[in-house]
Amino acid sequence: MAFNITDITGYVDENSFELISKAVLETPLADSFNVRVGLKAGSNKIPIMNGDFYVQDGGSCGYTTSGDTTITQIDMNLKAAKVNQSYCPETLRQTFLSQSLAAGQFAGNESIPVEQLMAEYFVKKLNNFNENFLINGDGSYSGLTQIITEGNGATKVTGSTWTVSDAVAGAQGLYALLPDEVMMMDDLILVCSPQQYRVLQLAITQENYYHIAPGGELVVPGTSVKIIPSLGCTNAQKFMGSTSTLYLGTDLSSDFEQFRVFYSDADDEVRSIMKWAIGVAVTQPELWVYGVA
C-alpha cells in the first residue's frame, strides 16, 4: 500500500475547524458544559442574568412594575495553548502502515487513509489534555478542582474513594448533601474517575438494579444524577452538581485557533501546529458537593 505523507496537508486543511472543535468540545465532560465561543485568551467576563419573579393579583387593571432583573459577571481566564512537534516520515511510515489496514482487509474492507489516522491521533491527544484541564486547570488557569472548593461555598466530603460494597451508598450520600434548591434539577451530574465509574457499574448490577441497561446511561440509583467518567479525576475526587452552572470558554472563531499538520519538503519532516484557547467557570460553586482524599 502506498504511503504518501504529503496528503496530510490537504486533509487537515479541509477538516481543520471540525478537528479543533472536536478536540476542544467533544470530551466526556465537555459535553456537559455550557459553551461560550468567540472568547479570546486571557481574562473574560461572562454575563449571567438573574432576577425576581413576582406574581401579582390579576383581578384589577393597571400596570405596576415589580421585581428587579440583575446581570452579573463571572470571571473566566482562558489559557492560550499550543503544540508544535515534528516527526520523521520514515518513523511515521513504520507506525501508520501497520495501523492503516482495517480489520478484515483481505476480505475486501477499505483501508483507513494515513492522513485520517494522524488527524485522529492528534485529536485524541488534545482531548486528553482538555479533559484533564477541565478538572485540574493548568498552572494559573483554574479547573473544577480550584473553583469548586469549601472556600467558595461548596460542600466538602473526605475519604470518598469507593469500593463495590459502598459505592452506591457513597454516591447517594453525596446526593443527600446537595442544597435543596438543586435537588429537583434535571441536569445533575456526578463526575468521577474512570476507575470509580467502573466500581459504580459493578456495584449497581450486583445490588440488583437490573433496570439499568448495560452500556446505557449510568445514573445514581434512586436519582436522576448522570454519572460521567473523567480522566482528569483521581479516584478520590468526585464532583456532583448542576450542569447549568458549568461554563466552558473557547474561541473557534478566529485564525488563532489552528489545527495544522503538514509535510515540510525542505526539512523532510512532518510538522504539527495546534493552537486553541480554553477556560472554565462555575457560576455557583456553593451549589456543588465534592469529594477529596
C-alpha atoms as a PDB file:
ATOM      1  CA  MET A   1       0.000   0.000   0.000  1.00  0.00           C
ATOM      2  CA  ALA A   2       1.307   3.482  -0.857  1.00  0.00           C
ATOM      3  CA  PHE A   3       2.488   5.846   1.857  1.00  0.00           C
ATOM      4  CA  ASN A   4       2.112   9.463   0.737  1.00  0.00           C
ATOM      5  CA  ILE A   5       2.617  11.733   3.720  1.00  0.00           C
ATOM      6  CA  THR A   6       2.073  14.890   1.651  1.00  0.00           C
ATOM      7  CA  ASP A   7      -1.663  14.088   1.596  1.00  0.00           C
ATOM      8  CA  ILE A   8      -1.893  15.066   5.273  1.00  0.00           C
ATOM      9  CA  THR A   9      -1.777  18.802   4.461  1.00  0.00           C
ATOM     10  CA  GLY A  10      -4.873  18.845   2.272  1.00  0.00           C
ATOM     11  CA  TYR A  11      -6.853  16.566   4.560  1.00  0.00           C
ATOM     12  CA  VAL A  12      -6.176  18.612   7.695  1.00  0.00           C
ATOM     13  CA  ASP A  13      -6.705  21.962   5.943  1.00  0.00           C
ATOM     14  CA  GLU A  14     -10.081  20.771   4.676  1.00  0.00           C
ATOM     15  CA  ASN A  15     -11.165  19.490   8.099  1.00  0.00           C
ATOM     16  CA  SER A  16      -9.366  21.984  10.358  1.00  0.00           C
ATOM     17  CA  PHE A  17     -12.427  23.566  12.014  1.00  0.00           C
ATOM     18  CA  GLU A  18     -14.087  20.200  12.560  1.00  0.00           C
ATOM     19  CA  LEU A  19     -10.914  18.755  14.068  1.00  0.00           C
ATOM     20  CA  ILE A  20     -10.188  21.614  16.505  1.00  0.00           C
ATOM     21  CA  SER A  21     -13.872  21.725  17.517  1.00  0.00           C
ATOM     22  CA  LYS A  22     -13.824  18.003  18.180  1.00  0.00           C
ATOM     23  CA  ALA A  23     -10.598  18.288  20.164  1.00  0.00           C
ATOM     24  CA  VAL A  24     -11.893  21.073  22.420  1.00  0.00           C
ATOM     25  CA  LEU A  25     -15.582  20.281  22.806  1.00  0.00           C
ATOM     26  CA  GLU A  26     -16.077  16.549  22.350  1.00  0.00           C
ATOM     27  CA  THR A  27     -14.797  15.058  25.588  1.00  0.00           C
ATOM     28  CA  PRO A  28     -16.997  13.147  28.060  1.00  0.00           C
ATOM     29  CA  LEU A  29     -17.066  16.086  30.470  1.00  0.00           C
ATOM     30  CA  ALA A  30     -17.100  18.967  27.974  1.00  0.00           C
ATOM     31  CA  ASP A  31     -20.440  17.700  26.642  1.00  0.00           C
ATOM     32  CA  SER A  32     -21.976  18.747  29.982  1.00  0.00           C
ATOM     33  CA  PHE A  33     -20.702  22.333  29.920  1.00  0.00           C
ATOM     34  CA  ASN A  34     -22.448  25.425  28.599  1.00  0.00           C
ATOM     35  CA  VAL A  35     -20.110  26.560  25.826  1.00  0.00           C
ATOM     36  CA  ARG A  36     -19.194  30.181  25.103  1.00  0.00           C
ATOM     37  CA  VAL A  37     -17.344  30.676  21.814  1.00  0.00           C
ATOM     38  CA  GLY A  38     -15.661  33.756  20.410  1.00  0.00           C
ATOM     39  CA  LEU A  39     -13.681  34.360  23.622  1.00  0.00           C
ATOM     40  CA  LYS A  40     -10.031  35.296  23.447  1.00  0.00           C
ATOM     41  CA  ALA A  41      -7.165  34.038  25.566  1.00  0.00           C
ATOM     42  CA  GLY A  42      -6.780  35.917  28.841  1.00  0.00           C
ATOM     43  CA  SER A  43      -9.363  37.406  31.191  1.00  0.00           C
ATOM     44  CA  ASN A  44     -13.011  37.348  30.103  1.00  0.00           C
ATOM     45  CA  LYS A  45     -16.301  38.344  31.724  1.00  0.00           C
ATOM     46  CA  ILE A  46     -19.282  36.004  31.298  1.00  0.00           C
ATOM     47  CA  PRO A  47     -22.647  37.785  31.806  1.00  0.00           C
ATOM     48  CA  ILE A  48     -25.257  35.921  33.850  1.00  0.00           C
ATOM     49  CA  MET A  49     -28.860  37.155  34.120  1.00  0.00           C
ATOM     50  CA  ASN A  50     -30.993  36.598  37.211  1.00  0.00           C
ATOM     51  CA  GLY A  51     -33.868  38.346  38.867  1.00  0.00           C
ATOM     52  CA  ASP A  52     -37.038  38.358  40.934  1.00  0.00           C
ATOM     53  CA  PHE A  53     -40.274  36.851  39.688  1.00  0.00           C
ATOM     54  CA  TYR A  54     -43.232  38.378  41.465  1.00  0.00           C
ATOM     55  CA  VAL A  55     -46.742  37.203  40.640  1.00  0.00           C
ATOM     56  CA  GLN A  56     -49.344  39.947  41.146  1.00  0.00           C
ATOM     57  CA  ASP A  57     -53.095  39.962  41.550  1.00  0.00           C
ATOM     58  CA  GLY A  58     -54.600  39.917  38.078  1.00  0.00           C
ATOM     59  CA  GLY A  59     -58.120  40.922  39.188  1.00  0.00           C
ATOM     60  CA  SER A  60     -57.576  44.636  38.706  1.00  0.00           C
ATOM     61  CA  CYS A  61     -56.492  46.964  35.884  1.00  0.00           C
ATOM     62  CA  GLY A  62     -53.271  48.856  35.670  1.00  0.00           C
ATOM     63  CA  TYR A  63     -49.573  48.169  35.293  1.00  0.00           C
ATOM     64  CA  THR A  64     -47.259  48.034  38.283  1.00  0.00           C
ATOM     65  CA  THR A  65     -43.623  47.068  37.852  1.00  0.00           C
ATOM     66  CA  SER A  66     -42.468  44.606  40.465  1.00  0.00           C
ATOM     67  CA  GLY A  67     -39.107  42.887  40.873  1.00  0.00           C
ATOM     68  CA  ASP A  68     -35.639  43.517  39.542  1.00  0.00           C
ATOM     69  CA  THR A  69     -33.530  41.805  36.901  1.00  0.00           C
ATOM     70  CA  THR A  70     -29.822  41.791  37.552  1.00  0.00           C
ATOM     71  CA  ILE A  71     -26.965  40.990  35.216  1.00  0.00           C
ATOM     72  CA  THR A  72     -23.822  39.891  36.964  1.00  0.00           C
ATOM     73  CA  GLN A  73     -20.480  38.825  35.532  1.00  0.00           C
ATOM     74  CA  ILE A  74     -18.225  35.936  36.389  1.00  0.00           C
ATOM     75  CA  ASP A  75     -14.539  35.773  35.564  1.00  0.00           C
ATOM     76  CA  MET A  76     -13.179  33.216  33.141  1.00  0.00           C
ATOM     77  CA  ASN A  77      -9.476  33.077  32.400  1.00  0.00           C
ATOM     78  CA  LEU A  78      -8.717  31.370  29.082  1.00  0.00           C
ATOM     79  CA  LYS A  79      -5.410  29.635  28.518  1.00  0.00           C
ATOM     80  CA  ALA A  80      -3.728  30.081  25.140  1.00  0.00           C
ATOM     81  CA  ALA A  81      -2.392  26.579  24.436  1.00  0.00           C
ATOM     82  CA  LYS A  82      -0.344  25.230  21.580  1.00  0.00           C
ATOM     83  CA  VAL A  83       1.511  22.138  20.389  1.00  0.00           C
ATOM     84  CA  ASN A  84       4.464  22.297  17.995  1.00  0.00           C
ATOM     85  CA  GLN A  85       6.038  18.972  17.068  1.00  0.00           C
ATOM     86  CA  SER A  86       7.960  17.416  14.213  1.00  0.00           C
ATOM     87  CA  TYR A  87       8.105  13.800  13.072  1.00  0.00           C
ATOM     88  CA  CYS A  88      10.364  11.732  10.862  1.00  0.00           C
ATOM     89  CA  PRO A  89       8.395  10.473   7.821  1.00  0.00           C
ATOM     90  CA  GLU A  90      10.160   7.115   7.946  1.00  0.00           C
ATOM     91  CA  THR A  91       9.081   6.600  11.562  1.00  0.00           C
ATOM     92  CA  LEU A  92       5.528   7.542  10.625  1.00  0.00           C
ATOM     93  CA  ARG A  93       5.683   5.129   7.703  1.00  0.00           C
ATOM     94  CA  GLN A  94       6.519   2.222  10.002  1.00  0.00           C
ATOM     95  CA  THR A  95       3.865   3.268  12.514  1.00  0.00           C
ATOM     96  CA  PHE A  96       0.915   4.041  10.275  1.00  0.00           C
ATOM     97  CA  LEU A  97       1.319   1.382   7.609  1.00  0.00           C
ATOM     98  CA  SER A  98       0.758  -1.194  10.350  1.00  0.00           C
ATOM     99  CA  GLN A  99      -2.354   0.639  11.577  1.00  0.00           C
ATOM    100  CA  SER A 100      -3.986   1.654   8.326  1.00  0.00           C
ATOM    101  CA  LEU A 101      -5.089  -1.849   7.324  1.00  0.00           C
ATOM    102  CA  ALA A 102      -8.664  -2.148   8.517  1.00  0.00           C
ATOM    103  CA  ALA A 103      -9.885  -5.311  10.212  1.00  0.00           C
ATOM    104  CA  GLY A 104     -10.772  -7.835   7.542  1.00  0.00           C
ATOM    105  CA  GLN A 105      -8.601  -6.054   4.957  1.00  0.00           C
ATOM    106  CA  PHE A 106      -8.205  -9.138   2.839  1.00  0.00           C
ATOM    107  CA  ALA A 107     -11.958  -9.689   2.877  1.00  0.00           C
ATOM    108  CA  GLY A 108     -12.358  -6.522   0.823  1.00  0.00           C
ATOM    109  CA  ASN A 109     -12.664  -3.838   3.513  1.00  0.00           C
ATOM    110  CA  GLU A 110     -11.255  -0.383   2.791  1.00  0.00           C
ATOM    111  CA  SER A 111      -8.038   0.731   4.446  1.00  0.00           C
ATOM    112  CA  ILE A 112      -8.001   3.912   6.534  1.00  0.00           C
ATOM    113  CA  PRO A 113      -6.074   6.818   4.944  1.00  0.00           C
ATOM    114  CA  VAL A 114      -2.842   7.703   6.711  1.00  0.00           C
ATOM    115  CA  GLU A 115      -3.867  11.368   6.934  1.00  0.00           C
ATOM    116  CA  GLN A 116      -7.096  10.419   8.734  1.00  0.00           C
ATOM    117  CA  LEU A 117      -5.215   8.214  11.182  1.00  0.00           C
ATOM    118  CA  MET A 118      -2.801  11.003  12.015  1.00  0.00           C
ATOM    119  CA  ALA A 119      -5.551  13.590  12.470  1.00  0.00           C
ATOM    120  CA  GLU A 120      -7.477  11.267  14.779  1.00  0.00           C
ATOM    121  CA  TYR A 121      -4.301  10.613  16.765  1.00  0.00           C
ATOM    122  CA  PHE A 122      -3.782  14.338  17.373  1.00  0.00           C
ATOM    123  CA  VAL A 123      -7.445  14.880  18.261  1.00  0.00           C
ATOM    124  CA  LYS A 124      -7.253  12.099  20.862  1.00  0.00           C
ATOM    125  CA  LYS A 125      -4.162  13.645  22.441  1.00  0.00           C
ATOM    126  CA  LEU A 126      -5.798  17.077  22.587  1.00  0.00           C
ATOM    127  CA  ASN A 127      -8.970  15.524  24.027  1.00  0.00           C
ATOM    128  CA  ASN A 128      -6.949  14.044  26.884  1.00  0.00           C
ATOM    129  CA  PHE A 129      -5.275  17.370  27.667  1.00  0.00           C
ATOM    130  CA  ASN A 130      -8.542  19.304  27.591  1.00  0.00           C
ATOM    131  CA  GLU A 131     -10.374  16.726  29.710  1.00  0.00           C
ATOM    132  CA  ASN A 132      -7.655  16.995  32.353  1.00  0.00           C
ATOM    133  CA  PHE A 133      -7.726  20.794  32.088  1.00  0.00           C
ATOM    134  CA  LEU A 134     -11.458  20.926  32.854  1.00  0.00           C
ATOM    135  CA  ILE A 135     -10.803  19.164  36.166  1.00  0.00           C
ATOM    136  CA  ASN A 136      -7.361  20.383  37.221  1.00  0.00           C
ATOM    137  CA  GLY A 137      -6.706  23.525  35.215  1.00  0.00           C
ATOM    138  CA  ASP A 138      -3.117  24.275  34.272  1.00  0.00           C
ATOM    139  CA  GLY A 139      -0.851  26.497  36.363  1.00  0.00           C
ATOM    140  CA  SER A 140      -2.657  29.785  36.985  1.00  0.00           C
ATOM    141  CA  TYR A 141      -5.687  28.655  34.944  1.00  0.00           C
ATOM    142  CA  SER A 142      -8.414  27.124  37.084  1.00  0.00           C
ATOM    143  CA  GLY A 143     -10.382  23.924  36.585  1.00  0.00           C
ATOM    144  CA  LEU A 144     -13.170  22.469  38.712  1.00  0.00           C
ATOM    145  CA  THR A 145     -10.685  21.471  41.427  1.00  0.00           C
ATOM    146  CA  GLN A 146      -9.669  25.093  42.011  1.00  0.00           C
ATOM    147  CA  ILE A 147     -13.197  26.541  41.699  1.00  0.00           C
ATOM    148  CA  ILE A 148     -15.454  24.043  43.493  1.00  0.00           C
ATOM    149  CA  THR A 149     -13.944  24.381  46.941  1.00  0.00           C
ATOM    150  CA  GLU A 150     -15.056  24.746  50.520  1.00  0.00           C
ATOM    151  CA  GLY A 151     -13.730  28.301  50.438  1.00  0.00           C
ATOM    152  CA  ASN A 152     -16.134  29.090  47.589  1.00  0.00           C
ATOM    153  CA  GLY A 153     -19.070  27.623  49.475  1.00  0.00           C
ATOM    154  CA  ALA A 154     -19.138  24.059  48.126  1.00  0.00           C
ATOM    155  CA  THR A 155     -19.801  21.118  50.458  1.00  0.00           C
ATOM    156  CA  LYS A 156     -16.693  19.017  51.078  1.00  0.00           C
ATOM    157  CA  VAL A 157     -16.694  15.255  51.712  1.00  0.00           C
ATOM    158  CA  THR A 158     -13.473  13.494  52.705  1.00  0.00           C
ATOM    159  CA  GLY A 159     -12.421   9.889  52.172  1.00  0.00           C
ATOM    160  CA  SER A 160     -14.529   9.331  49.088  1.00  0.00           C
ATOM    161  CA  THR A 161     -12.673   6.513  47.289  1.00  0.00           C
ATOM    162  CA  TRP A 162     -15.329   3.814  46.902  1.00  0.00           C
ATOM    163  CA  THR A 163     -15.342   0.038  46.667  1.00  0.00           C
ATOM    164  CA  VAL A 164     -18.055  -2.140  45.156  1.00  0.00           C
ATOM    165  CA  SER A 165     -19.580  -2.657  48.598  1.00  0.00           C
ATOM    166  CA  ASP A 166     -20.079   1.032  49.397  1.00  0.00           C
ATOM    167  CA  ALA A 167     -20.124   2.830  46.024  1.00  0.00           C
ATOM    168  CA  VAL A 168     -23.909   3.158  45.687  1.00  0.00           C
ATOM    169  CA  ALA A 169     -24.288   4.371  49.269  1.00  0.00           C
ATOM    170  CA  GLY A 170     -21.407   6.799  48.741  1.00  0.00           C
ATOM    171  CA  ALA A 171     -22.942   8.298  45.607  1.00  0.00           C
ATOM    172  CA  GLN A 172     -26.335   8.562  47.283  1.00  0.00           C
ATOM    173  CA  GLY A 173     -24.628  10.205  50.259  1.00  0.00           C
ATOM    174  CA  LEU A 174     -23.266  12.962  48.004  1.00  0.00           C
ATOM    175  CA  TYR A 175     -26.759  13.441  46.584  1.00  0.00           C
ATOM    176  CA  ALA A 176     -28.225  13.803  50.079  1.00  0.00           C
ATOM    177  CA  LEU A 177     -25.806  16.670  50.773  1.00  0.00           C
ATOM    178  CA  LEU A 178     -26.865  18.745  47.762  1.00  0.00           C
ATOM    179  CA  PRO A 179     -28.584  22.040  48.647  1.00  0.00           C
ATOM    180  CA  ASP A 180     -32.387  21.900  48.487  1.00  0.00           C
ATOM    181  CA  GLU A 181     -32.572  24.284  45.524  1.00  0.00           C
ATOM    182  CA  VAL A 182     -30.525  21.854  43.424  1.00  0.00           C
ATOM    183  CA  MET A 183     -32.241  18.573  44.353  1.00  0.00           C
ATOM    184  CA  MET A 184     -35.086  18.855  41.832  1.00  0.00           C
ATOM    185  CA  MET A 185     -32.982  19.967  38.863  1.00  0.00           C
ATOM    186  CA  ASP A 186     -32.944  17.561  35.931  1.00  0.00           C
ATOM    187  CA  ASP A 187     -29.368  18.237  34.824  1.00  0.00           C
ATOM    188  CA  LEU A 188     -27.421  16.864  37.778  1.00  0.00           C
ATOM    189  CA  ILE A 189     -24.162  15.014  37.176  1.00  0.00           C
ATOM    190  CA  LEU A 190     -21.601  13.092  39.205  1.00  0.00           C
ATOM    191  CA  VAL A 191     -18.065  13.379  37.814  1.00  0.00           C
ATOM    192  CA  CYS A 192     -15.567  10.723  38.904  1.00  0.00           C
ATOM    193  CA  SER A 193     -12.524   8.825  37.676  1.00  0.00           C
ATOM    194  CA  PRO A 194     -12.944   6.013  35.118  1.00  0.00           C
ATOM    195  CA  GLN A 195     -11.948   3.515  37.826  1.00  0.00           C
ATOM    196  CA  GLN A 196     -14.648   4.765  40.198  1.00  0.00           C
ATOM    197  CA  TYR A 197     -17.142   4.794  37.334  1.00  0.00           C
ATOM    198  CA  ARG A 198     -16.381   1.105  36.777  1.00  0.00           C
ATOM    199  CA  VAL A 199     -16.795   0.419  40.507  1.00  0.00           C
ATOM    200  CA  LEU A 200     -20.221   2.065  40.391  1.00  0.00           C
ATOM    201  CA  GLN A 201     -21.176  -0.007  37.343  1.00  0.00           C
ATOM    202  CA  LEU A 202     -20.349  -3.232  39.162  1.00  0.00           C
ATOM    203  CA  ALA A 203     -21.993  -2.105  42.401  1.00  0.00           C
ATOM    204  CA  ILE A 204     -25.224  -1.150  40.639  1.00  0.00           C
ATOM    205  CA  THR A 205     -25.519  -4.525  38.911  1.00  0.00           C
ATOM    206  CA  GLN A 206     -24.509  -6.526  41.979  1.00  0.00           C
ATOM    207  CA  GLU A 207     -27.134  -4.774  44.064  1.00  0.00           C
ATOM    208  CA  ASN A 208     -29.768  -5.980  41.587  1.00  0.00           C
ATOM    209  CA  TYR A 209     -30.569  -2.697  39.851  1.00  0.00           C
ATOM    210  CA  TYR A 210     -31.278  -4.632  36.680  1.00  0.00           C
ATOM    211  CA  HIS A 211     -33.426  -1.879  35.189  1.00  0.00           C
ATOM    212  CA  ILE A 212     -30.156  -0.180  34.168  1.00  0.00           C
ATOM    213  CA  ALA A 213     -29.244  -1.497  30.730  1.00  0.00           C
ATOM    214  CA  PRO A 214     -25.594  -2.480  30.173  1.00  0.00           C
ATOM    215  CA  GLY A 215     -23.887   0.121  28.035  1.00  0.00           C
ATOM    216  CA  GLY A 216     -26.643   2.652  28.637  1.00  0.00           C
ATOM    217  CA  GLU A 217     -26.523   5.896  30.541  1.00  0.00           C
ATOM    218  CA  LEU A 218     -25.461   5.295  34.123  1.00  0.00           C
ATOM    219  CA  VAL A 219     -27.275   7.164  36.907  1.00  0.00           C
ATOM    220  CA  VAL A 220     -27.054   7.107  40.689  1.00  0.00           C
ATOM    221  CA  PRO A 221     -29.818   4.668  41.769  1.00  0.00           C
ATOM    222  CA  GLY A 222     -32.912   6.420  43.070  1.00  0.00           C
ATOM    223  CA  THR A 223     -31.927   9.748  41.492  1.00  0.00           C
ATOM    224  CA  SER A 224     -31.626  11.401  38.084  1.00  0.00           C
ATOM    225  CA  VAL A 225     -27.906  12.119  38.589  1.00  0.00           C
ATOM    226  CA  LYS A 226     -25.962  11.111  35.472  1.00  0.00           C
ATOM    227  CA  ILE A 227     -22.534   9.611  36.169  1.00  0.00           C
ATOM    228  CA  ILE A 228     -19.690  10.867  33.955  1.00  0.00           C
ATOM    229  CA  PRO A 229     -16.159   9.397  33.976  1.00  0.00           C
ATOM    230  CA  SER A 230     -13.310  11.857  33.503  1.00  0.00           C
ATOM    231  CA  LEU A 231      -9.624  11.093  33.014  1.00  0.00           C
ATOM    232  CA  GLY A 232      -8.837  14.273  34.953  1.00  0.00           C
ATOM    233  CA  CYS A 233     -10.186  12.905  38.246  1.00  0.00           C
ATOM    234  CA  THR A 234      -8.257  10.889  40.792  1.00  0.00           C
ATOM    235  CA  ASN A 235     -10.099   8.012  42.458  1.00  0.00           C
ATOM    236  CA  ALA A 236     -10.803  10.194  45.498  1.00  0.00           C
ATOM    237  CA  GLN A 237     -12.150  13.147  43.516  1.00  0.00           C
ATOM    238  CA  LYS A 238     -15.889  13.495  42.980  1.00  0.00           C
ATOM    239  CA  PHE A 239     -17.998  16.435  41.853  1.00  0.00           C
ATOM    240  CA  MET A 240     -21.809  16.493  41.990  1.00  0.00           C
ATOM    241  CA  GLY A 241     -23.990  19.406  40.933  1.00  0.00           C
ATOM    242  CA  SER A 242     -25.969  21.045  38.155  1.00  0.00           C
ATOM    243  CA  THR A 243     -24.555  21.448  34.655  1.00  0.00           C
ATOM    244  CA  SER A 244     -26.429  24.754  34.341  1.00  0.00           C
ATOM    245  CA  THR A 245     -23.643  26.317  36.429  1.00  0.00           C
ATOM    246  CA  LEU A 246     -20.753  24.994  34.305  1.00  0.00           C
ATOM    247  CA  TYR A 247     -19.221  27.141  31.552  1.00  0.00           C
ATOM    248  CA  LEU A 248     -16.500  26.314  29.058  1.00  0.00           C
ATOM    249  CA  GLY A 249     -14.939  29.172  27.116  1.00  0.00           C
ATOM    250  CA  THR A 250     -13.111  28.837  23.824  1.00  0.00           C
ATOM    251  CA  ASP A 251     -12.563  30.744  20.595  1.00  0.00           C
ATOM    252  CA  LEU A 252     -13.396  28.730  17.454  1.00  0.00           C
ATOM    253  CA  SER A 253     -13.940  31.997  15.583  1.00  0.00           C
ATOM    254  CA  SER A 254     -10.508  33.369  14.722  1.00  0.00           C
ATOM    255  CA  ASP A 255      -7.272  32.488  12.996  1.00  0.00           C
ATOM    256  CA  PHE A 256      -5.610  31.993  16.380  1.00  0.00           C
ATOM    257  CA  GLU A 257      -7.099  28.530  16.731  1.00  0.00           C
ATOM    258  CA  GLN A 258      -5.409  26.209  14.285  1.00  0.00           C
ATOM    259  CA  PHE A 259      -5.135  22.521  13.597  1.00  0.00           C
ATOM    260  CA  ARG A 260      -2.383  22.091  11.007  1.00  0.00           C
ATOM    261  CA  VAL A 261      -0.308  19.061  10.128  1.00  0.00           C
ATOM    262  CA  PHE A 262       1.887  19.356   7.035  1.00  0.00           C
ATOM    263  CA  TYR A 263       4.930  17.927   5.316  1.00  0.00           C
ATOM    264  CA  SER A 264       7.939  20.255   5.155  1.00  0.00           C
ATOM    265  CA  ASP A 265       9.779  19.280   1.994  1.00  0.00           C
ATOM    266  CA  ALA A 266      12.795  21.467   2.830  1.00  0.00           C
ATOM    267  CA  ASP A 267      13.363  19.726   6.157  1.00  0.00           C
ATOM    268  CA  ASP A 268      11.952  16.329   5.185  1.00  0.00           C
ATOM    269  CA  GLU A 269       9.740  16.152   8.248  1.00  0.00           C
ATOM    270  CA  VAL A 270       6.090  16.273   9.208  1.00  0.00           C
ATOM    271  CA  ARG A 271       5.208  19.207  11.433  1.00  0.00           C
ATOM    272  CA  SER A 272       2.160  19.828  13.596  1.00  0.00           C
ATOM    273  CA  ILE A 273       0.912  23.233  14.715  1.00  0.00           C
ATOM    274  CA  MET A 274      -2.092  23.204  17.012  1.00  0.00           C
ATOM    275  CA  LYS A 275      -3.369  26.277  18.825  1.00  0.00           C
ATOM    276  CA  TRP A 276      -6.503  26.692  20.875  1.00  0.00           C
ATOM    277  CA  ALA A 277      -7.932  28.568  23.858  1.00  0.00           C
ATOM    278  CA  ILE A 278      -9.803  27.023  26.776  1.00  0.00           C
ATOM    279  CA  GLY A 279     -11.169  28.208  30.111  1.00  0.00           C
ATOM    280  CA  VAL A 280     -13.581  27.091  32.835  1.00  0.00           C
ATOM    281  CA  ALA A 281     -16.027  28.943  35.085  1.00  0.00           C
ATOM    282  CA  VAL A 282     -18.670  27.846  37.618  1.00  0.00           C
ATOM    283  CA  THR A 283     -21.416  30.382  38.369  1.00  0.00           C
ATOM    284  CA  GLN A 284     -22.500  28.964  41.731  1.00  0.00           C
ATOM    285  CA  PRO A 285     -19.877  26.660  43.282  1.00  0.00           C
ATOM    286  CA  GLU A 286     -21.855  26.748  46.532  1.00  0.00           C
ATOM    287  CA  LEU A 287     -24.445  24.508  44.880  1.00  0.00           C
ATOM    288  CA  TRP A 288     -21.921  21.685  44.434  1.00  0.00           C
ATOM    289  CA  VAL A 289     -20.746  18.788  46.574  1.00  0.00           C
ATOM    290  CA  TYR A 290     -17.212  17.492  46.069  1.00  0.00           C
ATOM    291  CA  GLY A 291     -15.128  14.624  47.407  1.00  0.00           C
ATOM    292  CA  VAL A 292     -11.422  14.555  48.225  1.00  0.00           C
ATOM    293  CA  ALA A 293      -8.988  12.084  49.756  1.00  0.00           C
END
